[in-house]
């Protein structure tokens, strides 16, 4: 996007006349200059094609580059100032940058921060550093619904104003049907098509993926669970009131409220599809990772399936049996109740 011209000059009709012969005209002129400069600055910092952040996204940013994102009506920039194998310095600022300051966070791989881009007491964004090296950083970016009441991470330093770069160097390596981008190189398009195919195949043609999409619906429904319903349901199945680790306060922290489905390009026709829970705390670790071979000549596309995170050590049979029990609970707390020991 070309920057607006700011080279307009005030021409003096007669250079021999006194410069401030008419005070009223002078201040009118100054007012016009101020307005022109304000408009020019606004245009210079206006984002070009921000990505709509309606669901989980993964981006890779090279050092010194940024991505512009739109969350609801707010536009903000995420900027990687520097990175190495041990971590990355990530800045977040609302756009235009002149309207405020930036939050700076030093992230190590697999760590994350909750950020309020509108500087309120409720976070609406989670940023996780998946991995980094001397040239770039891979970030997981997840919008957080304000109704969750997630608090911004403590320890974020506020610096600025900071000049946030434009989207040069942006490479989208994961996509879904809702992803849009102004990046349109053939490599990105081919990769996006491969990732979309992998997501569709995992969700519709694998038992593991189909089960996770069913769980996503269960978690969405059970966000309405509260302590009184939970206590009543737990007592019904266990014969005693919940306490300690099984109290609603503790269990609600460990029960997802949704599942994000994302795809990551490996090489050739190999793709990882991860099913990652959305937690109230904002922390993330995949429930399930599927490695798929998306070659048209491959009949058995699942290369490897691994349950991780809160499902570590489980297998499809165990997870399916748990879902069969939880989905039969008709109130809003099925996902919070584990099957009693047989």
Protein backbone atom coordinates (compact mmCIF):
# COMPACT_ATOMS: atom_id res chain seq x y z
CA UNK A 1 0.00 0.00 0.00
CA UNK A 2 1.58 3.27 -1.12
CA UNK A 3 2.08 5.86 1.59
CA UNK A 4 0.13 9.11 1.17
CA UNK A 5 2.05 12.10 -0.12
CA UNK A 6 2.90 14.62 2.57
CA UNK A 7 4.86 17.12 0.45
CA UNK A 8 2.19 19.79 0.04
CA UNK A 9 3.75 23.21 0.62
CA UNK A 10 2.20 26.54 1.61
CA UNK A 11 3.00 29.04 -1.17
CA UNK A 12 3.47 32.69 -0.23
CA UNK A 13 1.78 34.98 -2.72
CA UNK A 14 4.26 37.79 -2.04
CA UNK A 15 7.47 36.94 -0.17
CA UNK A 16 8.09 40.62 0.67
CA UNK A 17 4.90 40.95 2.71
CA UNK A 18 4.93 40.33 6.46
CA UNK A 19 4.34 36.60 7.12
CA UNK A 20 1.69 37.22 9.80
CA UNK A 21 -0.19 40.14 8.35
CA UNK A 22 -3.57 38.56 9.26
CA UNK A 23 -3.58 36.60 12.58
CA UNK A 24 -6.98 34.98 11.80
CA UNK A 25 -5.78 33.67 8.46
CA UNK A 26 -2.53 32.47 10.07
CA UNK A 27 -4.25 30.35 12.73
CA UNK A 28 -6.67 28.99 10.12
CA UNK A 29 -3.66 27.93 8.06
CA UNK A 30 -2.04 26.26 11.11
CA UNK A 31 -5.29 24.40 11.79
CA UNK A 32 -5.40 23.07 8.23
CA UNK A 33 -1.76 21.91 8.46
CA UNK A 34 -2.48 20.06 11.72
CA UNK A 35 -5.50 18.32 10.19
CA UNK A 36 -3.52 17.33 7.07
CA UNK A 37 -0.69 15.92 9.20
CA UNK A 38 -3.13 13.99 11.40
CA UNK A 39 -4.82 12.43 8.37
CA UNK A 40 -1.44 11.59 6.82
CA UNK A 41 -0.28 9.86 10.00
CA UNK A 42 -3.54 7.93 10.27
CA UNK A 43 -3.18 6.70 6.69
CA UNK A 44 0.49 5.83 7.17
CA UNK A 45 -0.33 3.61 10.13
CA UNK A 46 -3.56 2.20 8.72
CA UNK A 47 -3.31 -1.62 8.50
CA UNK A 48 -3.36 -3.29 5.11
CA UNK A 49 -5.63 -6.33 5.07
CA UNK A 50 -5.56 -7.48 8.72
CA UNK A 51 -6.40 -11.13 9.32
CA UNK A 52 -9.74 -11.73 11.04
CA UNK A 53 -9.05 -13.59 14.29
CA UNK A 54 -12.26 -15.57 14.77
CA UNK A 55 -10.53 -18.79 15.78
CA UNK A 56 -7.14 -20.27 16.65
CA UNK A 57 -4.33 -19.37 14.22
CA UNK A 58 -0.68 -20.21 13.87
CA UNK A 59 1.74 -17.77 12.27
CA UNK A 60 5.47 -17.78 11.65
CA UNK A 61 7.10 -14.36 11.89
CA UNK A 62 10.68 -13.57 10.94
CA UNK A 63 12.66 -11.27 13.21
CA UNK A 64 11.63 -7.65 12.74
CA UNK A 65 8.31 -8.47 11.09
CA UNK A 66 4.74 -8.44 12.29
CA UNK A 67 1.22 -9.58 11.56
CA UNK A 68 -1.86 -7.38 11.73
CA UNK A 69 -4.96 -9.01 13.20
CA UNK A 70 -8.55 -7.93 13.72
CA UNK A 71 -10.39 -9.14 16.80
CA UNK A 72 -14.00 -7.98 16.88
CA UNK A 73 -13.60 -4.26 16.10
CA UNK A 74 -10.03 -3.87 17.35
CA UNK A 75 -6.98 -4.06 15.09
CA UNK A 76 -3.64 -4.94 16.67
CA UNK A 77 -0.13 -5.95 15.68
CA UNK A 78 2.04 -8.79 16.95
CA UNK A 79 5.72 -8.09 16.34
CA UNK A 80 8.73 -10.38 16.85
CA UNK A 81 11.60 -8.13 17.91
CA UNK A 82 14.16 -10.94 18.22
CA UNK A 83 14.29 -14.70 18.53
CA UNK A 84 16.67 -17.57 19.16
CA UNK A 85 16.42 -21.26 19.95
CA UNK A 86 15.86 -20.38 23.61
CA UNK A 87 12.98 -17.93 23.13
CA UNK A 88 11.64 -14.77 21.52
CA UNK A 89 10.82 -11.18 22.43
CA UNK A 90 7.23 -10.55 21.31
CA UNK A 91 5.47 -7.17 21.29
CA UNK A 92 1.71 -6.61 21.08
CA UNK A 93 0.20 -3.22 20.32
CA UNK A 94 -3.14 -1.86 19.29
CA UNK A 95 -3.09 -0.13 15.88
CA UNK A 96 -2.43 2.67 15.14
CA UNK A 97 0.59 2.39 17.40
CA UNK A 98 0.61 6.13 18.10
CA UNK A 99 -2.67 5.67 19.99
CA UNK A 100 -1.08 3.66 22.77
CA UNK A 101 1.78 1.63 24.09
CA UNK A 102 2.95 -1.91 23.45
CA UNK A 103 3.13 -4.90 25.78
CA UNK A 104 6.44 -6.75 25.67
CA UNK A 105 6.91 -10.39 26.69
CA UNK A 106 9.94 -12.67 26.66
CA UNK A 107 8.61 -16.14 25.83
CA UNK A 108 10.43 -19.45 25.99
CA UNK A 109 9.20 -22.38 23.83
CA UNK A 110 5.81 -23.74 24.97
CA UNK A 111 5.17 -20.76 27.25
CA UNK A 112 2.26 -18.37 26.71
CA UNK A 113 0.80 -15.08 27.90
CA UNK A 114 -2.74 -13.76 28.17
CA UNK A 115 -3.06 -10.23 26.81
CA UNK A 116 -5.77 -7.58 26.93
CA UNK A 117 -5.32 -5.59 23.72
CA UNK A 118 -7.78 -3.00 25.04
CA UNK A 119 -5.91 -2.59 28.35
CA UNK A 120 -8.76 -3.91 30.52
CA UNK A 121 -8.72 -6.39 33.39
CA UNK A 122 -9.91 -9.21 31.12
CA UNK A 123 -7.64 -10.91 28.57
CA UNK A 124 -8.99 -11.41 25.05
CA UNK A 125 -5.90 -12.98 23.50
CA UNK A 126 -3.52 -15.84 24.30
CA UNK A 127 -0.12 -15.95 22.57
CA UNK A 128 2.02 -19.06 22.85
CA UNK A 129 5.53 -19.54 21.49
CA UNK A 130 5.55 -22.99 19.89
CA UNK A 131 9.17 -22.86 18.75
CA UNK A 132 11.81 -20.39 17.65
CA UNK A 133 15.24 -20.14 16.09
CA UNK A 134 17.71 -17.42 15.15
CA UNK A 135 15.55 -16.15 12.28
CA UNK A 136 11.88 -16.67 13.17
CA UNK A 137 9.29 -17.60 15.77
CA UNK A 138 6.17 -19.76 15.45
CA UNK A 139 3.28 -18.39 17.48
CA UNK A 140 -0.08 -19.91 18.45
CA UNK A 141 -2.68 -17.14 18.67
CA UNK A 142 -6.03 -17.85 20.34
CA UNK A 143 -8.91 -15.39 20.92
CA UNK A 144 -10.39 -15.57 24.42
CA UNK A 145 -14.05 -14.77 25.01
CA UNK A 146 -14.47 -11.97 27.55
CA UNK A 147 -17.18 -13.95 29.36
CA UNK A 148 -14.48 -16.38 30.51
CA UNK A 149 -12.97 -13.67 32.69
CA UNK A 150 -9.39 -14.75 32.01
CA UNK A 151 -6.95 -12.35 33.67
CA UNK A 152 -4.04 -10.84 31.72
CA UNK A 153 -0.69 -12.40 32.58
CA UNK A 154 1.28 -10.62 35.26
CA UNK A 155 4.81 -9.46 34.55
CA UNK A 156 4.11 -8.01 31.10
CA UNK A 157 6.24 -4.91 30.70
CA UNK A 158 4.72 -1.89 29.00
CA UNK A 159 6.99 -0.03 26.60
CA UNK A 160 6.54 2.33 23.70
CA UNK A 161 5.31 3.91 21.64
CA UNK A 162 6.83 1.28 19.33
CA UNK A 163 7.01 1.33 15.55
CA UNK A 164 5.38 -1.87 14.39
CA UNK A 165 6.41 -3.09 10.94
CA UNK A 166 4.03 -4.18 8.23
CA UNK A 167 3.29 -7.74 7.16
CA UNK A 168 6.50 -8.39 5.22
CA UNK A 169 7.78 -11.85 6.00
CA UNK A 170 4.40 -13.15 7.12
CA UNK A 171 3.83 -16.79 6.26
CA UNK A 172 0.63 -18.55 7.20
CA UNK A 173 1.26 -22.22 7.85
CA UNK A 174 -2.15 -23.21 9.16
CA UNK A 175 -5.59 -22.48 7.88
CA UNK A 176 -9.27 -23.28 8.21
CA UNK A 177 -12.37 -22.35 6.26
CA UNK A 178 -12.52 -19.01 8.09
CA UNK A 179 -8.89 -18.00 7.47
CA UNK A 180 -8.27 -15.14 5.08
CA UNK A 181 -5.02 -13.46 4.10
CA UNK A 182 -3.66 -10.90 1.70
CA UNK A 183 -0.68 -13.21 1.15
CA UNK A 184 -1.31 -14.97 -2.16
CA UNK A 185 1.86 -16.70 -3.33
CA UNK A 186 1.41 -20.09 -5.00
CA UNK A 187 3.43 -21.81 -2.26
CA UNK A 188 1.13 -20.52 0.45
CA UNK A 189 -1.97 -21.42 -1.56
CA UNK A 190 -0.75 -24.96 -2.19
CA UNK A 191 0.15 -25.42 1.46
CA UNK A 192 -3.22 -24.01 2.55
CA UNK A 193 -5.06 -26.44 0.25
CA UNK A 194 -3.06 -29.36 1.68
CA UNK A 195 -3.80 -28.28 5.25
CA UNK A 196 -7.50 -27.82 4.53
CA UNK A 197 -7.65 -31.31 3.04
CA UNK A 198 -5.92 -32.73 6.10
CA UNK A 199 -8.33 -30.98 8.48
CA UNK A 200 -11.34 -32.20 6.51
CA UNK A 201 -10.01 -35.75 6.35
CA UNK A 202 -9.17 -35.84 10.07
CA UNK A 203 -12.58 -34.48 11.09
CA UNK A 204 -14.67 -36.63 8.76
CA UNK A 205 -12.70 -39.78 8.01
CA UNK A 206 -10.86 -40.75 11.17
CA UNK A 207 -12.45 -42.23 14.28
CA UNK A 208 -10.16 -40.16 16.50
CA UNK A 209 -11.01 -36.89 14.76
CA UNK A 210 -14.75 -37.58 14.71
CA UNK A 211 -14.64 -38.25 18.46
CA UNK A 212 -12.81 -34.98 19.15
CA UNK A 213 -15.39 -32.99 17.19
CA UNK A 214 -18.10 -34.65 19.30
CA UNK A 215 -16.16 -33.63 22.41
CA UNK A 216 -15.98 -30.05 21.11
CA UNK A 217 -19.79 -29.94 21.04
CA UNK A 218 -19.94 -31.43 24.55
CA UNK A 219 -17.51 -28.83 25.94
CA UNK A 220 -19.42 -26.02 24.27
CA UNK A 221 -22.70 -27.20 25.84
CA UNK A 222 -21.21 -27.75 29.27
CA UNK A 223 -19.78 -24.24 29.62
CA UNK A 224 -23.10 -23.60 31.39
CA UNK A 225 -22.15 -26.00 34.20
CA UNK A 226 -22.12 -24.47 37.69
CA UNK A 227 -21.16 -25.72 41.15
CA UNK A 228 -24.66 -26.68 42.30
CA UNK A 229 -25.43 -28.78 39.20
CA UNK A 230 -21.98 -30.34 39.34
CA UNK A 231 -22.27 -31.24 43.03
CA UNK A 232 -25.70 -32.80 42.47
CA UNK A 233 -24.50 -34.84 39.47
CA UNK A 234 -21.29 -35.97 41.15
CA UNK A 235 -23.20 -37.10 44.25
CA UNK A 236 -25.66 -39.02 42.03
CA UNK A 237 -22.89 -41.10 40.42
CA UNK A 238 -20.42 -41.39 43.31
CA UNK A 239 -22.74 -41.45 46.32
CA UNK A 240 -20.76 -38.73 48.11
CA UNK A 241 -20.23 -34.99 47.75
CA UNK A 242 -17.15 -33.89 45.78
CA UNK A 243 -14.21 -32.40 47.66
CA UNK A 244 -10.51 -31.65 47.27
CA UNK A 245 -9.26 -32.36 43.76
CA UNK A 246 -12.83 -33.24 42.73
CA UNK A 247 -14.40 -29.96 43.87
CA UNK A 248 -16.01 -27.85 41.18
CA UNK A 249 -13.34 -25.17 41.62
CA UNK A 250 -10.54 -27.61 40.78
CA UNK A 251 -12.34 -29.64 38.13
CA UNK A 252 -13.52 -26.55 36.24
CA UNK A 253 -9.89 -25.45 35.82
CA UNK A 254 -9.02 -28.74 34.14
CA UNK A 255 -12.09 -29.11 31.90
CA UNK A 256 -11.83 -27.58 28.42
CA UNK A 257 -14.48 -25.20 27.13
CA UNK A 258 -13.79 -25.92 23.45
CA UNK A 259 -11.34 -27.63 21.07
CA UNK A 260 -9.29 -25.96 18.36
CA UNK A 261 -8.46 -28.03 15.27
CA UNK A 262 -5.24 -26.98 13.55
CA UNK A 263 -2.95 -28.37 10.87
CA UNK A 264 0.83 -28.04 10.59
CA UNK A 265 2.83 -28.72 7.47
CA UNK A 266 5.72 -31.20 7.98
CA UNK A 267 7.12 -31.94 4.53
CA UNK A 268 6.03 -33.43 1.24
CA UNK A 269 2.47 -34.66 1.84
CA UNK A 270 2.87 -35.17 5.60
CA UNK A 271 0.72 -33.01 7.89
CA UNK A 272 0.13 -32.89 11.64
CA UNK A 273 -3.47 -32.28 12.73
CA UNK A 274 -3.74 -31.27 16.38
CA UNK A 275 -6.83 -31.08 18.56
CA UNK A 276 -6.03 -28.54 21.25
CA UNK A 277 -8.35 -27.75 24.17
CA UNK A 278 -9.27 -24.17 25.02
CA UNK A 279 -8.82 -23.86 28.78
CA UNK A 280 -10.12 -21.13 31.08
CA UNK A 281 -6.53 -20.42 32.08
CA UNK A 282 -5.52 -19.93 28.45
CA UNK A 283 -2.88 -22.67 28.70
CA UNK A 284 -2.79 -25.13 25.83
CA UNK A 285 -1.46 -28.58 25.11
CA UNK A 286 -2.91 -30.82 22.38
CA UNK A 287 -5.32 -33.58 23.39
CA UNK A 288 -4.62 -35.52 20.23
CA UNK A 289 -2.06 -35.32 17.43
CA UNK A 290 -2.61 -37.11 14.13
CA UNK A 291 0.17 -37.46 11.59
CA UNK A 292 -1.43 -37.87 8.17
CA UNK A 293 0.01 -38.70 4.76
CA UNK A 294 -2.19 -36.75 2.33
CA UNK A 295 -0.77 -38.32 -0.83
CA UNK A 296 -3.64 -39.36 -3.16
CA UNK A 297 -1.87 -42.71 -3.61
CA UNK A 298 -1.92 -43.48 0.12
CA UNK A 299 -4.76 -45.72 1.27
CA UNK A 300 -3.90 -45.76 4.98
CA UNK A 301 -3.45 -42.08 5.70
CA UNK A 302 -2.92 -42.15 9.47
CA UNK A 303 0.81 -42.48 10.08
CA UNK A 304 0.61 -41.98 13.83
CA UNK A 305 -2.02 -41.05 16.43
CA UNK A 306 -0.97 -39.91 19.90
CA UNK A 307 -3.05 -38.76 22.88
CA UNK A 308 -1.22 -36.08 24.87
CA UNK A 309 -1.81 -33.37 27.48
CA UNK A 310 -4.72 -34.14 29.78
CA UNK A 311 -5.29 -37.38 27.82
CA UNK A 312 -1.66 -38.55 28.18
CA UNK A 313 -1.53 -42.35 28.39
CA UNK A 314 -5.07 -42.87 27.08
CA UNK A 315 -6.06 -44.55 23.83
CA UNK A 316 -9.10 -44.32 21.56
CA UNK A 317 -10.96 -47.07 23.41
CA UNK A 318 -10.60 -45.31 26.78
CA UNK A 319 -11.51 -41.86 25.41
CA UNK A 320 -14.50 -43.26 23.52
CA UNK A 321 -15.74 -45.07 26.63
CA UNK A 322 -15.42 -41.88 28.69
CA UNK A 323 -17.33 -39.89 26.07
CA UNK A 324 -20.11 -42.52 25.98
CA UNK A 325 -20.58 -41.98 29.73
CA UNK A 326 -20.28 -38.19 29.73
CA UNK A 327 -22.55 -37.61 26.72
CA UNK A 328 -25.39 -39.50 28.43
CA UNK A 329 -25.48 -36.95 31.26
CA UNK A 330 -28.32 -34.67 30.17
CA UNK A 331 -27.53 -31.60 32.27
CA UNK A 332 -24.72 -29.11 31.73
CA UNK A 333 -21.97 -30.96 33.61
CA UNK A 334 -21.34 -34.16 31.65
CA UNK A 335 -17.80 -33.16 30.61
CA UNK A 336 -16.92 -32.48 34.26
CA UNK A 337 -17.74 -35.98 35.54
CA UNK A 338 -15.37 -38.89 35.03
CA UNK A 339 -16.93 -42.40 34.95
CA UNK A 340 -16.95 -44.07 38.39
CA UNK A 341 -14.52 -47.00 38.77
CA UNK A 342 -16.02 -50.19 37.44
